[in-house]
Protein backbone atom coordinates (compact mmCIF):
# COMPACT_ATOMS: atom_id res chain seq x y z
CA MET A 1 7.52 85.16 -97.97
CA ARG A 2 5.36 82.94 -100.13
CA MET A 3 1.69 82.86 -101.09
CA GLU A 4 -0.47 79.80 -100.56
CA ARG A 5 -4.05 79.21 -101.62
CA GLN A 6 -6.44 77.70 -99.12
CA GLY A 7 -9.55 77.14 -101.23
CA LYS A 8 -10.45 80.61 -102.50
CA MET A 9 -8.40 82.37 -99.84
CA LEU A 10 -4.83 83.50 -100.49
CA ASP A 11 -2.56 83.43 -97.44
CA LEU A 12 0.76 85.24 -97.18
CA VAL A 13 3.31 83.05 -95.41
CA TYR A 14 6.21 84.83 -93.73
CA ASP A 15 9.53 83.82 -92.21
CA THR A 16 10.11 84.66 -88.53
CA PRO A 17 12.90 87.20 -87.92
CA ALA A 18 15.77 86.45 -85.58
CA PRO A 19 15.75 88.38 -82.29
CA LYS A 20 17.93 91.45 -82.09
CA VAL A 21 21.23 90.78 -80.34
CA PHE A 22 22.69 93.45 -78.05
CA SER A 23 26.44 93.19 -77.49
CA GLY A 24 27.40 93.96 -73.91
CA ALA A 25 30.91 94.38 -72.59
CA LYS A 26 30.99 90.72 -71.50
CA HIS A 27 28.13 88.86 -73.18
CA ASP A 28 25.54 88.96 -75.89
CA TRP A 29 21.96 89.68 -74.80
CA GLU A 30 18.47 89.65 -76.24
CA VAL A 31 15.50 91.83 -75.38
CA VAL A 32 12.01 90.59 -74.53
CA VAL A 33 9.05 92.97 -74.82
CA GLY A 34 5.43 92.61 -73.77
CA MET A 35 2.84 95.35 -73.91
CA GLU A 36 -0.40 96.64 -72.47
CA ILE A 37 -2.13 98.99 -74.87
CA HIS A 38 -4.94 101.27 -73.76
CA ALA A 39 -7.17 102.04 -76.73
CA GLN A 40 -10.07 104.47 -76.40
CA ILE A 41 -13.22 102.91 -77.81
CA THR A 42 -14.82 104.96 -80.56
CA SER A 43 -18.26 105.86 -79.20
CA ASN A 44 -20.29 109.00 -78.67
CA SER A 45 -20.75 108.51 -74.94
CA LYS A 46 -18.81 107.05 -72.02
CA LEU A 47 -18.76 103.49 -70.72
CA PHE A 48 -21.21 103.94 -67.82
CA SER A 49 -22.80 107.35 -68.43
CA GLY A 50 -24.35 109.40 -71.22
CA ALA A 51 -21.70 112.13 -71.07
CA SER A 52 -19.89 112.91 -74.31
CA ALA A 53 -16.65 111.07 -75.04
CA ARG A 54 -15.60 113.67 -77.61
CA PHE A 55 -12.04 114.98 -77.37
CA GLY A 56 -11.33 118.70 -77.10
CA ALA A 57 -14.22 119.97 -74.96
CA GLU A 58 -13.62 122.70 -72.38
CA PRO A 59 -12.26 121.30 -69.09
CA ASN A 60 -14.97 119.55 -67.03
CA ALA A 61 -17.62 120.21 -69.70
CA SER A 62 -18.32 116.51 -70.36
CA VAL A 63 -18.92 115.18 -66.86
CA ALA A 64 -22.04 113.34 -65.73
CA PHE A 65 -22.96 112.97 -62.06
CA GLY A 66 -21.70 109.39 -62.07
CA ASP A 67 -18.36 110.42 -63.59
CA ALA A 68 -17.89 112.82 -60.70
CA ALA A 69 -18.81 110.04 -58.20
CA MET A 70 -21.85 111.83 -56.84
CA PRO A 71 -23.53 109.63 -54.19
CA GLY A 72 -26.42 107.43 -55.27
CA ILE A 73 -25.62 107.38 -58.98
CA LEU A 74 -25.36 103.86 -60.42
CA PRO A 75 -23.39 102.94 -63.55
CA VAL A 76 -25.37 101.99 -66.68
CA LEU A 77 -23.38 99.94 -69.18
CA ASN A 78 -23.05 101.29 -72.75
CA GLU A 79 -23.84 98.29 -74.97
CA TYR A 80 -22.20 99.86 -78.01
CA CYS A 81 -18.84 99.97 -76.21
CA ILE A 82 -19.11 96.23 -75.56
CA GLU A 83 -19.94 95.66 -79.23
CA GLN A 84 -16.86 97.65 -80.25
CA ALA A 85 -14.66 95.58 -77.92
CA VAL A 86 -16.09 92.34 -79.32
CA ARG A 87 -15.46 93.64 -82.84
CA THR A 88 -11.84 94.36 -81.89
CA GLY A 89 -11.40 90.91 -80.41
CA LEU A 90 -12.72 89.29 -83.58
CA GLY A 91 -10.40 91.47 -85.66
CA LEU A 92 -7.47 90.12 -83.62
CA ASN A 93 -8.56 86.50 -84.07
CA ALA A 94 -9.32 86.30 -80.37
CA ARG A 95 -11.77 84.22 -78.35
CA ILE A 96 -14.87 86.10 -77.21
CA ASN A 97 -15.94 85.14 -73.70
CA LEU A 98 -19.71 84.89 -73.49
CA TYR A 99 -19.44 85.47 -69.72
CA SER A 100 -17.45 88.35 -68.25
CA SER A 101 -17.72 90.64 -65.25
CA PHE A 102 -16.52 93.97 -63.89
CA ASP A 103 -14.25 94.57 -60.90
CA ARG A 104 -13.16 97.59 -58.91
CA LYS A 105 -9.50 98.51 -58.97
CA ASN A 106 -9.01 100.64 -55.88
CA TYR A 107 -6.49 103.44 -55.63
CA PHE A 108 -6.52 107.10 -54.63
CA TYR A 109 -5.61 109.86 -57.02
CA PRO A 110 -7.15 113.33 -57.51
CA ASP A 111 -8.31 112.58 -61.08
CA LEU A 112 -10.25 109.48 -59.91
CA PRO A 113 -13.18 110.91 -57.89
CA SER A 114 -14.67 107.54 -56.90
CA GLY A 115 -11.39 106.18 -55.55
CA TYR A 116 -11.66 103.15 -57.83
CA GLN A 117 -11.59 102.29 -61.52
CA ILE A 118 -14.12 99.86 -62.97
CA SER A 119 -12.17 97.25 -64.92
CA GLN A 120 -12.13 93.49 -65.64
CA LEU A 121 -9.51 91.47 -63.82
CA TYR A 122 -10.97 88.04 -63.19
CA HIS A 123 -13.28 87.55 -66.18
CA PRO A 124 -12.30 89.68 -69.22
CA LEU A 125 -14.55 90.09 -72.25
CA VAL A 126 -11.95 88.84 -74.75
CA GLY A 127 -9.51 85.96 -74.39
CA GLU A 128 -6.46 84.84 -76.33
CA GLY A 129 -5.81 86.01 -79.89
CA GLU A 130 -2.98 86.78 -82.28
CA VAL A 131 -1.75 89.54 -84.57
CA LEU A 132 0.70 89.32 -87.46
CA VAL A 133 3.37 92.03 -87.27
CA GLU A 134 5.21 92.58 -90.55
CA LEU A 135 8.88 93.54 -90.30
CA GLY A 136 10.00 94.07 -93.85
CA GLU A 137 9.39 92.10 -97.02
CA GLY A 138 8.96 88.41 -96.27
CA LEU A 139 9.41 88.72 -92.49
CA ALA A 140 6.77 88.84 -89.77
CA ARG A 141 6.24 87.78 -86.18
CA HIS A 142 3.05 86.33 -84.71
CA VAL A 143 2.44 88.21 -81.45
CA ARG A 144 0.01 86.50 -79.12
CA ILE A 145 -2.74 88.46 -77.41
CA GLU A 146 -3.35 87.32 -73.84
CA ARG A 147 -6.60 89.18 -73.20
CA ILE A 148 -8.62 92.32 -73.85
CA HIS A 149 -10.62 93.80 -71.03
CA VAL A 150 -12.93 96.79 -70.97
CA GLU A 151 -12.42 99.52 -68.39
CA GLN A 152 -13.08 103.19 -67.73
CA ASP A 153 -10.42 105.86 -68.08
CA ALA A 154 -9.40 108.25 -65.31
CA GLY A 155 -9.35 112.04 -65.56
CA LYS A 156 -6.37 114.27 -66.18
CA SER A 157 -4.24 116.17 -63.70
CA ILE A 158 -2.73 119.39 -65.03
CA HIS A 159 0.34 120.74 -63.28
CA ASP A 160 1.81 123.30 -65.65
CA MET A 161 -0.82 126.07 -65.76
CA ASP A 162 0.17 127.70 -62.49
CA PRO A 163 3.43 127.13 -60.56
CA HIS A 164 1.56 127.00 -57.25
CA MET A 165 -1.55 125.02 -58.19
CA SER A 166 -2.65 121.82 -59.90
CA PHE A 167 -5.91 121.35 -61.76
CA VAL A 168 -8.10 118.36 -62.52
CA ASP A 169 -10.07 117.86 -65.74
CA LEU A 170 -12.65 115.07 -65.46
CA ASN A 171 -13.67 115.02 -69.13
CA ARG A 172 -11.89 111.71 -69.71
CA THR A 173 -13.23 110.15 -66.52
CA GLY A 174 -15.39 107.20 -67.49
CA VAL A 175 -14.38 107.16 -71.16
CA ALA A 176 -14.40 103.55 -72.42
CA LEU A 177 -11.03 101.88 -72.91
CA MET A 178 -9.87 98.51 -74.17
CA GLU A 179 -6.72 97.25 -72.49
CA ILE A 180 -5.03 94.90 -74.95
CA VAL A 181 -2.47 92.74 -73.17
CA SER A 182 0.13 90.90 -75.24
CA LYS A 183 2.37 87.99 -74.42
CA PRO A 184 6.09 88.91 -74.17
CA ASP A 185 6.67 87.90 -77.80
CA MET A 186 8.42 90.94 -79.28
CA ARG A 187 12.17 90.59 -79.67
CA SER A 188 13.45 93.99 -80.80
CA PRO A 189 12.69 97.72 -80.44
CA GLU A 190 11.54 97.76 -84.05
CA GLU A 191 9.07 94.93 -83.41
CA ALA A 192 7.62 96.75 -80.41
CA ALA A 193 6.88 99.85 -82.48
CA ALA A 194 5.59 97.78 -85.41
CA TYR A 195 3.23 95.87 -83.11
CA VAL A 196 1.60 99.05 -81.86
CA GLY A 197 1.36 100.34 -85.41
CA LYS A 198 -0.32 97.14 -86.57
CA LEU A 199 -2.87 97.18 -83.75
CA ARG A 200 -3.61 100.81 -84.50
CA LEU A 201 -4.11 99.97 -88.19
CA ILE A 202 -6.47 97.06 -87.47
CA MET A 203 -8.60 99.11 -85.07
CA ARG A 204 -8.81 101.96 -87.57
CA TYR A 205 -10.01 99.52 -90.23
CA LEU A 206 -12.57 98.19 -87.74
CA GLY A 207 -13.62 101.69 -86.65
CA THR A 208 -13.21 100.76 -82.97
CA CYS A 209 -10.46 103.26 -82.07
CA ASP A 210 -9.29 106.31 -84.01
CA GLY A 211 -5.67 105.58 -82.99
CA ASN A 212 -4.83 109.23 -82.38
CA MET A 213 -1.80 108.91 -80.11
CA GLN A 214 -1.34 112.68 -79.76
CA HIS A 215 -4.81 113.00 -78.22
CA GLY A 216 -4.27 110.01 -75.93
CA SER A 217 -6.64 107.68 -77.79
CA LEU A 218 -3.89 105.07 -77.92
CA ARG A 219 -1.28 104.68 -75.20
CA ALA A 220 1.14 101.86 -74.49
CA ASP A 221 2.73 100.54 -71.31
CA VAL A 222 5.85 98.73 -72.49
CA ASN A 223 7.42 95.93 -70.41
CA VAL A 224 11.10 95.34 -71.11
CA SER A 225 13.51 92.69 -69.87
CA VAL A 226 16.72 91.14 -71.17
CA CYS A 227 18.03 87.60 -71.26
CA ARG A 228 20.91 85.57 -72.62
CA PRO A 229 20.49 84.13 -76.13
CA GLY A 230 18.41 80.96 -76.12
CA ASP A 231 16.79 81.52 -72.71
CA TYR A 232 13.59 82.98 -74.13
CA GLU A 233 12.83 79.88 -76.21
CA LYS A 234 13.11 77.66 -73.11
CA PHE A 235 10.60 79.70 -71.14
CA ARG A 236 8.28 80.22 -74.11
CA GLU A 237 7.78 76.47 -74.41
CA SER A 238 6.70 76.24 -70.76
CA GLY A 239 4.70 79.47 -70.86
CA ASP A 240 6.35 80.61 -67.61
CA PHE A 241 8.22 83.87 -68.12
CA SER A 242 8.51 84.71 -64.42
CA HIS A 243 12.22 83.82 -64.33
CA LEU A 244 13.12 85.50 -67.60
CA GLY A 245 14.94 88.54 -66.28
CA THR A 246 13.57 91.41 -64.20
CA ARG A 247 11.18 93.49 -66.24
CA CYS A 248 10.59 97.20 -66.03
CA GLU A 249 7.47 98.92 -67.32
CA ILE A 250 7.66 102.15 -69.31
CA LYS A 251 4.34 103.95 -68.86
CA ASN A 252 2.12 105.97 -71.18
CA MET A 253 4.07 105.84 -74.43
CA ASN A 254 2.23 107.76 -77.15
CA SER A 255 4.63 107.69 -80.11
CA LEU A 256 5.85 104.78 -82.24
CA ARG A 257 9.25 106.43 -82.60
CA PHE A 258 9.56 107.01 -78.86
CA ILE A 259 8.55 103.40 -78.15
CA GLN A 260 11.37 102.17 -80.32
CA HIS A 261 13.89 104.52 -78.70
CA ALA A 262 12.69 103.72 -75.17
CA VAL A 263 12.96 99.94 -75.62
CA ASP A 264 16.46 100.29 -77.06
CA TYR A 265 17.60 102.54 -74.20
CA GLU A 266 15.99 100.42 -71.48
CA ALA A 267 17.52 97.19 -72.81
CA ARG A 268 20.99 98.73 -72.84
CA ARG A 269 20.48 100.20 -69.36
CA GLN A 270 19.53 96.82 -67.93
CA ILE A 271 22.44 95.09 -69.69
CA ALA A 272 24.91 97.60 -68.24
CA LEU A 273 23.54 97.03 -64.73
CA LEU A 274 23.64 93.24 -65.03
CA GLU A 275 27.16 93.15 -66.41
CA SER A 276 28.40 95.40 -63.63
CA GLY A 277 26.97 92.99 -61.05
CA GLU A 278 24.17 95.27 -59.89
CA THR A 279 20.66 94.06 -59.21
CA PHE A 280 17.43 95.93 -59.80
CA GLY A 281 13.80 95.28 -59.00
CA GLN A 282 10.62 95.63 -60.98
CA GLU A 283 9.67 99.25 -61.36
CA THR A 284 7.62 101.66 -63.39
CA ARG A 285 9.62 104.09 -65.49
CA LEU A 286 8.91 107.08 -67.71
CA TYR A 287 10.58 107.94 -71.01
CA ASP A 288 12.06 111.41 -71.41
CA PRO A 289 12.10 112.13 -75.18
CA ASP A 290 14.25 115.25 -74.72
CA LYS A 291 17.04 113.27 -73.06
CA GLY A 292 16.31 110.02 -74.88
CA GLU A 293 16.31 108.00 -71.66
CA THR A 294 14.02 106.31 -69.17
CA ARG A 295 13.88 107.33 -65.53
CA SER A 296 12.41 105.74 -62.43
CA MET A 297 8.83 106.66 -61.52
CA ARG A 298 7.97 104.20 -58.73
CA SER A 299 8.51 100.59 -57.72
CA LYS A 300 6.23 98.20 -59.55
CA GLU A 301 2.92 97.63 -57.78
CA ASP A 302 1.55 94.14 -57.36
CA ALA A 303 -2.06 93.43 -58.25
CA GLN A 304 -2.88 92.93 -54.57
CA ASP A 305 -2.13 96.57 -53.85
CA TYR A 306 -5.23 97.54 -55.81
CA ARG A 307 -7.56 95.38 -53.66
CA TYR A 308 -9.60 94.20 -56.62
CA PHE A 309 -13.09 92.94 -55.88
CA PRO A 310 -16.22 92.38 -58.01
CA ASP A 311 -18.19 95.55 -58.63
CA PRO A 312 -21.39 95.25 -56.56
CA ASP A 313 -23.29 97.69 -58.81
CA LEU A 314 -22.84 95.74 -62.05
CA LEU A 315 -24.23 92.31 -62.84
CA PRO A 316 -22.06 89.82 -64.76
CA LEU A 317 -22.15 90.40 -68.50
CA GLU A 318 -23.61 87.49 -70.48
CA ILE A 319 -23.77 87.74 -74.26
CA GLU A 320 -25.11 85.34 -76.88
CA GLN A 321 -23.06 83.57 -79.51
CA ALA A 322 -25.58 84.61 -82.17
CA TRP A 323 -24.84 88.27 -81.42
CA VAL A 324 -21.10 87.64 -81.71
CA ASP A 325 -21.69 85.87 -85.03
CA GLU A 326 -23.64 88.87 -86.33
CA ILE A 327 -20.75 91.17 -85.47
CA ARG A 328 -18.28 88.78 -87.12
CA ALA A 329 -20.34 88.64 -90.31
CA ALA A 330 -20.31 92.44 -90.56
CA LEU A 331 -16.55 92.87 -90.13
CA PRO A 332 -14.83 94.82 -92.92
CA GLU A 333 -11.94 93.41 -94.91
CA LEU A 334 -8.89 93.80 -92.67
CA PRO A 335 -5.41 94.95 -93.79
CA ASP A 336 -3.77 91.50 -94.07
CA ALA A 337 -6.60 90.14 -96.22
CA LYS A 338 -6.73 93.31 -98.31
CA LYS A 339 -2.98 93.20 -98.91
CA ALA A 340 -3.17 89.56 -100.00
CA ARG A 341 -6.03 90.38 -102.38
CA PHE A 342 -4.18 93.33 -103.91
CA MET A 343 -1.20 91.06 -104.60
CA ALA A 344 -3.23 88.14 -105.93
CA ASP A 345 -5.93 89.92 -107.93
CA LEU A 346 -4.17 93.10 -109.02
CA GLY A 347 -0.62 91.78 -109.36
CA LEU A 348 0.88 94.30 -106.93
CA SER A 349 4.24 93.77 -105.28
CA ASP A 350 4.51 93.13 -101.55
CA TYR A 351 5.88 96.66 -101.09
CA ASP A 352 3.18 98.42 -103.11
CA ALA A 353 0.39 96.44 -101.44
CA ALA A 354 1.82 97.25 -97.99
CA VAL A 355 2.02 100.98 -98.78
CA LEU A 356 -1.53 101.10 -100.10
CA THR A 357 -3.01 99.27 -97.09
CA ALA A 358 -1.03 101.19 -94.47
CA GLU A 359 -3.96 103.53 -93.84
CA VAL A 360 -7.63 102.73 -94.26
CA GLU A 361 -8.20 105.95 -96.23
CA SER A 362 -5.31 105.19 -98.61
CA ALA A 363 -6.68 101.73 -99.34
CA ALA A 364 -10.16 103.10 -100.04
CA TYR A 365 -8.76 105.79 -102.34
CA PHE A 366 -6.69 103.28 -104.30
CA GLU A 367 -9.55 100.82 -104.69
CA SER A 368 -11.72 103.57 -106.13
CA VAL A 369 -8.98 104.51 -108.63
CA ALA A 370 -8.22 100.88 -109.54
CA GLU A 371 -11.82 99.82 -110.13
CA GLY A 372 -12.10 98.69 -113.75
CA ARG A 373 -8.51 99.72 -114.51
CA ASP A 374 -5.06 98.17 -114.57
CA GLY A 375 -4.09 97.69 -110.93
CA LYS A 376 -0.36 98.22 -111.40
CA ALA A 377 -0.89 101.45 -113.32
CA ALA A 378 -3.27 102.70 -110.64
CA ALA A 379 -0.80 101.77 -107.89
CA ASN A 380 2.07 103.56 -109.63
CA TRP A 381 0.05 106.76 -109.98
CA VAL A 382 -1.28 106.69 -106.43
CA ILE A 383 2.06 105.86 -104.78
CA ASN A 384 4.53 107.77 -106.93
CA GLU A 385 2.64 110.80 -108.17
CA LEU A 386 -0.15 111.39 -105.66
CA PHE A 387 1.57 110.31 -102.44
CA GLY A 388 4.77 112.04 -103.52
CA ARG A 389 2.94 115.33 -104.10
CA LEU A 390 0.94 115.03 -100.88
CA ASN A 391 4.09 114.34 -98.86
CA LYS A 392 5.75 117.37 -100.38
CA ASP A 393 2.83 119.52 -99.24
CA ASP A 394 2.50 117.73 -95.87
CA ARG A 395 -1.06 116.68 -96.67
CA ARG A 396 -2.95 113.51 -95.78
CA ILE A 397 -4.82 111.46 -98.36
CA THR A 398 -8.09 112.83 -96.97
CA GLU A 399 -6.89 116.30 -97.97
CA SER A 400 -6.00 115.37 -101.55
CA PRO A 401 -7.04 118.02 -104.11
CA VAL A 402 -7.22 115.22 -106.72
CA SER A 403 -10.22 112.94 -106.29
CA PRO A 404 -10.12 109.22 -107.18
CA ALA A 405 -12.40 109.97 -110.16
CA GLN A 406 -9.99 112.65 -111.47
CA LEU A 407 -6.92 110.43 -111.10
CA GLY A 408 -8.78 107.56 -112.72
CA ALA A 409 -9.69 109.81 -115.64
CA ILE A 410 -6.01 110.69 -116.16
CA ILE A 411 -5.11 106.98 -116.23
CA ASP A 412 -7.92 106.38 -118.74
CA LEU A 413 -6.56 109.10 -121.03
CA ILE A 414 -3.16 107.38 -121.02
CA ALA A 415 -4.71 103.97 -121.71
CA SER A 416 -6.75 105.33 -124.64
CA GLY A 417 -3.66 106.92 -126.19
CA ASP A 418 -5.08 110.42 -125.91
CA ILE A 419 -2.11 111.59 -123.84
CA SER A 420 1.42 110.34 -123.19
CA GLY A 421 2.92 109.63 -119.79
CA LYS A 422 4.77 112.95 -119.90
CA ILE A 423 1.63 114.89 -120.76
CA ALA A 424 -0.18 112.99 -118.01
CA LYS A 425 2.22 114.33 -115.41
CA ASP A 426 1.63 117.88 -116.63
CA LEU A 427 -2.10 117.22 -116.57
CA PHE A 428 -1.89 115.83 -113.03
CA GLU A 429 -0.17 119.01 -111.85
CA ILE A 430 -2.91 121.16 -113.42
CA VAL A 431 -5.66 119.11 -111.79
CA TYR A 432 -3.82 119.11 -108.44
CA THR A 433 -3.40 122.88 -108.52
CA ASP A 434 -6.50 124.15 -110.32
CA GLY A 435 -8.95 121.22 -110.32
CA GLY A 436 -11.21 120.47 -113.26
CA ASP A 437 -12.18 117.55 -115.48
CA PRO A 438 -9.03 115.98 -116.98
CA ALA A 439 -10.64 115.19 -120.35
CA GLU A 440 -11.95 118.76 -120.73
CA ILE A 441 -8.55 120.19 -119.75
CA VAL A 442 -6.84 118.08 -122.43
CA GLU A 443 -9.27 119.36 -125.09
CA SER A 444 -9.31 123.00 -124.03
CA ARG A 445 -5.52 123.28 -123.68
CA GLY A 446 -4.62 121.31 -126.80
CA MET A 447 -2.78 118.64 -124.82
CA LYS A 448 -4.04 115.71 -126.85
CA GLN A 449 -1.38 113.35 -128.10
CA VAL A 450 -0.51 113.42 -131.79
CA THR A 451 -1.28 110.00 -133.23
CA ASP A 452 -1.67 110.96 -136.90
CA LEU A 453 0.99 108.80 -138.54
CA GLY A 454 1.26 111.16 -141.48
CA ALA A 455 2.08 114.12 -139.26
CA LEU A 456 4.48 112.08 -137.17
CA GLU A 457 6.26 110.69 -140.25
CA ALA A 458 6.75 114.23 -141.56
CA ALA A 459 8.26 115.29 -138.24
CA VAL A 460 10.62 112.28 -138.19
CA ASP A 461 11.70 112.89 -141.80
CA LYS A 462 12.45 116.52 -141.02
CA VAL A 463 14.68 115.67 -138.03
CA ILE A 464 16.53 112.98 -140.01
CA ALA A 465 17.06 115.30 -143.00
CA GLU A 466 18.45 118.08 -140.83
CA ASN A 467 20.93 115.87 -138.94
CA PRO A 468 22.89 113.66 -141.38
CA GLU A 469 25.90 113.34 -139.04
CA GLN A 470 23.67 112.06 -136.25
CA VAL A 471 22.14 109.59 -138.71
CA GLU A 472 25.58 108.08 -139.38
CA LYS A 473 26.26 107.76 -135.67
CA ALA A 474 22.88 106.10 -135.08
CA ARG A 475 23.52 103.65 -137.90
CA ALA A 476 26.81 102.68 -136.24
CA ASN A 477 25.24 102.55 -132.78
CA PRO A 478 21.46 101.85 -132.80
CA LYS A 479 21.18 102.95 -129.17
CA LEU A 480 21.58 106.55 -130.35
CA ALA A 481 18.23 106.35 -132.14
CA GLY A 482 16.68 107.70 -128.99
CA TRP A 483 18.15 111.11 -129.81
CA PHE A 484 15.84 111.36 -132.83
CA VAL A 485 12.84 110.37 -130.70
CA GLY A 486 13.71 113.15 -128.27
CA GLN A 487 13.98 115.72 -131.04
CA VAL A 488 10.59 114.75 -132.44
CA MET A 489 9.01 114.93 -128.99
CA LYS A 490 10.56 118.36 -128.52
CA ALA A 491 9.31 119.56 -131.88
CA THR A 492 5.77 118.40 -131.08
CA GLN A 493 5.91 119.86 -127.54
CA GLY A 494 5.70 116.37 -126.07
CA LYS A 495 2.42 115.58 -127.80
CA ALA A 496 3.69 112.91 -130.16
CA ASN A 497 2.84 109.30 -129.39
CA PRO A 498 6.19 107.96 -128.11
CA LYS A 499 5.63 104.40 -129.33
CA ALA A 500 4.67 105.55 -132.82
CA VAL A 501 7.71 107.84 -132.98
CA ASN A 502 10.03 105.04 -131.82
CA ASP A 503 8.65 102.71 -134.48
CA LEU A 504 8.99 105.33 -137.24
CA VAL A 505 12.55 106.28 -136.26
CA ALA A 506 13.61 102.62 -136.20
CA GLU A 507 11.95 102.07 -139.58
CA LYS A 508 13.50 105.16 -141.22
CA LEU A 509 17.01 104.59 -139.91
CA GLY A 510 16.86 100.94 -140.82
CA ALA A 511 15.75 101.76 -144.34
CA GLN A 512 18.59 104.25 -144.73
CA GLY A 513 21.08 101.73 -143.46
């Protein structure tokens, strides 16, 4: 990885990783992964009704007449959901289509009362874009986005409450989704998981999806196929992937770890079939996390099976470029730009900058701590001390007992020489456990660092006088001078200024030599 300046902007330039090679019994193989991600749009109400989109309501408590497909109820488009989708498209460097339209995707299922889903097949709201997926220091892959279309979610069928009955909860029916369709650009299980993680991060920065995979706010359909080394590059140039191995789709993945495991298993399954001479068709599969394997769900449907046609109740959607420009101007700083700024302006390493931008809340916390202070010192305290303590207690940054102002005050006390690094760690633990103003705690508990040279010199002289044998050893081997520093620090209960003590010890031993 290298950094290049384009005017005032700093760009991080990455190398592209090699695809992962799977060794079969007869040949080497490579995996090709494409993905369709369903992201719930962050909004108070649903896409075509005023019913609440909030998660966790009692079953069927958030259902408008239109959601339940009551006759005579027409859909009314939620403009804010469209704005959120446009914002997402801009955040993914995608083209915003000023003309789009809605279509009906027809299929029968108990949790879809109308018998169709309103989606966008022919004219999606967002066109082609791209996302940078980092894969370790200096490595990243550019994954192309094919399209983003807006659609409504279906309800939820519940089969495990009673052995003889199934239930339907329509709370999710009509909730606004973005379906983000990628090109088949990912070349390893790790890349597939990292891609979903990066999209989740960008949307959380944008505020367009909360990314909560456990609640179903973000779900991925993962398409997996395998090919011989070199074949992918040939088809990528032409843009025609139809002959690049038979692909199978793994539905409704809601865990980054499971996505990685599922892609790995599915690639190996397909390789074993191909090398044994067996053929297989396109199909939809499910991943069983308990067994760590995929299993067949149904043969893969073609688009024609859904009998798409334009929705007669919704006019085409036409938006103005000026509105798109307003949304673009109001976009927040996104993770890639923030990481580059942390490295360029604050001197952080690639690793530290990546850790601090990995969650929007972590980045905000760090920036508050670093404001007006040394960036590296702030990063060390946030990553090593704060994150380490939070991880130990299984707490998120939003649950931190130490505020940015308190942590900043501790760093200030170190910088001013009032406390040493060792005392600072003790102070941090007090603030973490009991709270309080760090400066007041230092005063009230007598934790202030001893900087009086007269007092320190007396302490050094005392240690030297009491340990003549150690003095001789230190004169023969100057590295042993640290023993005297340690003794002085012990005698002053860690309050002595370490630099001053080091200087005095070196001076005294040198004079005696």
